[in-house]
Protein backbone atom coordinates (compact mmCIF):
# COMPACT_ATOMS: atom_id res chain seq x y z
CA MET A 1 -26.48 6.65 -10.04
CA LYS A 2 -26.39 8.22 -6.86
CA LEU A 3 -29.44 8.28 -4.67
CA ASN A 4 -29.13 12.20 -4.51
CA LYS A 5 -29.77 12.45 -8.36
CA LEU A 6 -32.95 10.02 -8.02
CA LYS A 7 -35.51 12.59 -8.13
CA LYS A 8 -33.93 14.88 -10.69
CA THR A 9 -33.81 11.49 -13.04
CA LEU A 10 -37.32 10.69 -12.09
CA ASP A 11 -38.38 14.12 -13.26
CA LYS A 12 -36.65 13.75 -16.56
CA TRP A 13 -38.07 10.20 -17.13
CA GLN A 14 -41.85 11.11 -16.41
CA GLU A 15 -41.58 13.92 -19.16
CA SER A 16 -43.88 12.75 -21.68
CA GLU A 17 -46.74 13.64 -24.09
CA LEU A 18 -50.02 12.48 -25.29
CA ILE A 19 -50.16 11.62 -29.01
CA LYS A 20 -52.84 10.75 -31.37
CA VAL A 21 -53.23 7.36 -32.44
CA ASP A 22 -53.71 7.06 -36.36
CA GLY A 23 -57.35 6.27 -37.25
CA GLN A 24 -58.42 6.49 -33.60
CA GLU A 25 -60.08 9.11 -31.40
CA LYS A 26 -57.92 8.07 -28.42
CA GLN A 27 -54.36 9.16 -27.77
CA ARG A 28 -51.31 7.32 -26.13
CA ARG A 29 -48.51 8.15 -23.95
CA ILE A 30 -44.98 8.57 -24.90
CA PHE A 31 -42.00 9.22 -22.94
CA LYS A 32 -39.78 11.85 -24.39
CA HIS A 33 -36.66 10.51 -23.47
CA SER A 34 -38.24 6.96 -24.44
CA ASP A 35 -34.82 5.42 -25.97
CA GLU A 36 -33.68 5.97 -22.18
CA VAL A 37 -36.86 4.48 -20.36
CA PHE A 38 -37.31 1.80 -22.87
CA LYS A 39 -33.91 0.60 -22.46
CA LEU A 40 -33.97 0.53 -18.71
CA PHE A 41 -37.55 -0.62 -18.36
CA GLY A 42 -38.62 -2.33 -21.62
CA GLY A 43 -38.14 -5.66 -23.13
CA GLY A 44 -36.60 -8.70 -21.45
CA GLU A 45 -37.94 -10.93 -18.57
CA SER A 46 -37.71 -8.02 -16.23
CA GLY A 47 -39.04 -5.44 -18.47
CA VAL A 48 -42.25 -3.36 -17.64
CA LEU A 49 -43.14 -1.51 -20.65
CA ASP A 50 -45.04 -3.57 -23.14
CA PRO A 51 -45.26 -1.71 -26.72
CA PHE A 52 -48.43 -3.39 -27.12
CA ASN A 53 -49.98 -2.49 -24.03
CA GLU A 54 -50.62 1.10 -23.53
CA TYR A 55 -51.44 0.69 -19.60
CA THR A 56 -47.92 -0.06 -18.78
CA TYR A 57 -46.83 3.48 -20.28
CA GLU A 58 -49.52 5.12 -18.00
CA TRP A 59 -48.76 2.80 -14.85
CA LEU A 60 -45.15 3.51 -15.42
CA HIS A 61 -45.47 7.51 -16.02
CA SER A 62 -47.48 7.22 -12.66
CA PHE A 63 -44.80 5.22 -10.92
CA PHE A 64 -42.38 7.89 -11.96
CA CYS A 65 -44.50 10.73 -10.76
CA GLY A 66 -45.36 8.97 -7.63
CA LEU A 67 -41.74 8.03 -6.16
CA SER A 68 -40.76 11.52 -7.33
CA GLU A 69 -43.19 12.97 -5.09
CA TRP A 70 -42.67 10.65 -2.28
CA LEU A 71 -38.94 11.88 -2.54
CA GLY A 72 -39.91 15.33 -2.39
CA TYR A 73 -41.39 14.80 1.02
CA ASN A 74 -39.20 12.18 2.38
CA LYS A 75 -35.57 12.87 3.32
CA VAL A 76 -34.00 9.42 2.70
CA GLU A 77 -29.92 8.94 2.74
CA THR A 78 -29.33 5.14 2.03
CA LYS A 79 -30.71 2.86 -0.49
CA GLN A 80 -32.38 0.87 2.37
CA GLU A 81 -34.17 3.77 3.63
CA LEU A 82 -35.68 4.11 0.02
CA GLU A 83 -36.22 0.56 0.18
CA ASP A 84 -38.01 0.56 3.43
CA GLY A 85 -39.80 3.57 3.18
CA TYR A 86 -41.13 3.43 -0.32
CA ASN A 87 -42.03 -0.49 -0.32
CA ASP A 88 -44.71 0.70 2.25
CA GLN A 89 -46.15 3.40 -0.38
CA ILE A 90 -46.58 1.04 -3.24
CA ASN A 91 -49.50 -0.57 -2.30
CA GLU A 92 -51.44 2.83 -1.62
CA SER A 93 -50.15 4.18 -4.95
CA VAL A 94 -51.46 0.77 -6.76
CA ASP A 95 -54.69 1.62 -5.04
CA SER A 96 -55.06 4.70 -6.87
CA GLU A 97 -54.13 3.16 -10.40
CA VAL A 98 -56.85 0.77 -9.95
CA ASP A 99 -60.02 1.47 -12.14
CA VAL A 100 -63.24 1.39 -10.25
CA TYR A 101 -65.71 0.95 -13.00
CA THR A 102 -66.38 -2.23 -14.54
CA SER A 103 -66.37 -0.49 -18.20
CA GLY A 104 -62.78 0.50 -17.22
CA LEU A 105 -61.87 -2.69 -16.24
CA THR A 106 -63.09 -4.54 -18.98
CA GLU A 107 -61.62 -2.38 -21.33
CA TRP A 108 -58.08 -3.24 -19.79
CA LEU A 109 -58.85 -6.82 -19.58
CA ASN A 110 -59.73 -6.91 -23.48
CA HIS A 111 -56.78 -4.66 -24.56
CA ASN A 112 -54.24 -7.05 -24.48
CA VAL A 113 -54.27 -10.95 -24.09
CA GLY A 114 -51.75 -11.01 -21.64
CA ASN A 115 -54.18 -9.42 -18.96
CA VAL A 116 -55.84 -12.46 -18.63
CA SER A 117 -53.17 -14.04 -17.18
CA TYR A 118 -53.80 -11.74 -13.92
CA LEU A 119 -57.56 -12.81 -13.88
CA ASP A 120 -56.42 -16.32 -14.36
CA GLU A 121 -54.16 -16.03 -11.25
CA VAL A 122 -56.72 -14.11 -8.94
CA VAL A 123 -59.30 -16.79 -9.89
CA LYS A 124 -56.49 -19.55 -8.60
CA GLN A 125 -56.43 -17.85 -5.45
CA GLY A 126 -59.81 -18.51 -4.79
CA HIS A 127 -60.99 -14.82 -4.94
CA THR A 128 -64.88 -14.63 -5.74
CA ASN A 129 -65.59 -10.88 -5.25
CA ASN A 130 -64.24 -7.68 -7.66
CA ILE A 131 -61.89 -10.31 -9.72
CA LEU A 132 -61.46 -7.63 -12.33
CA MET A 133 -60.24 -5.24 -9.86
CA MET A 134 -57.82 -7.52 -8.11
CA ALA A 135 -56.30 -8.64 -11.45
CA GLN A 136 -55.87 -5.01 -12.56
CA TYR A 137 -54.41 -4.62 -9.29
CA GLU A 138 -51.97 -7.60 -9.55
CA ALA A 139 -50.92 -6.19 -13.03
CA ILE A 140 -50.12 -2.52 -11.72
CA TYR A 141 -48.36 -4.01 -8.67
CA GLU A 142 -46.31 -6.32 -10.61
CA LEU A 143 -45.30 -2.94 -12.54
CA PHE A 144 -44.61 -0.80 -9.96
CA HIS A 145 -42.71 -3.58 -7.85
CA THR A 146 -40.69 -4.54 -10.76
CA ALA A 147 -39.72 -0.56 -11.69
CA PHE A 148 -38.91 -0.18 -8.32
CA SER A 149 -36.68 -3.18 -8.15
CA ILE A 150 -34.78 -2.17 -11.23
CA ILE A 151 -34.21 1.54 -9.89
CA LEU A 152 -33.07 -0.05 -6.42
CA ASP A 153 -30.59 -2.09 -8.70
CA MET A 154 -29.42 1.30 -10.42
CA ILE A 155 -28.60 2.77 -7.09
CA ASP A 156 -25.00 2.92 -5.85
CA ASP A 157 -24.61 3.02 -2.10
């Protein structure tokens, strides 16, 4: 993919809708181009989309929107300029996604058994304050960073 087509591609990938989950009151995000998005960002070791973890869909959607918006405000001409520029933005983008309410954080933690690994990692690092927030931050950061790496690998210089 050429760098000059990235924003248009991100705008396409972020097209989504919320659907009602059968038998529940909540909704779940699905991508309108789900085959293409899942082929690139799902499954495998480097996949960021987990079909059993709805949060990954929300966060990937936010990543697409944020990177597209960033590209709209920043002129980048090379893959290196993109990498250097957006790497500085990732932390701020992740910060804006972390839930500030304990109820939301515990809901996230309980949503998927894999989320506990992020909590374990934060505890192993010796943190004692806001460990749920830090665990969710780690989960979102990993998704954003991996998704960005996938996109960088797709760009032709």
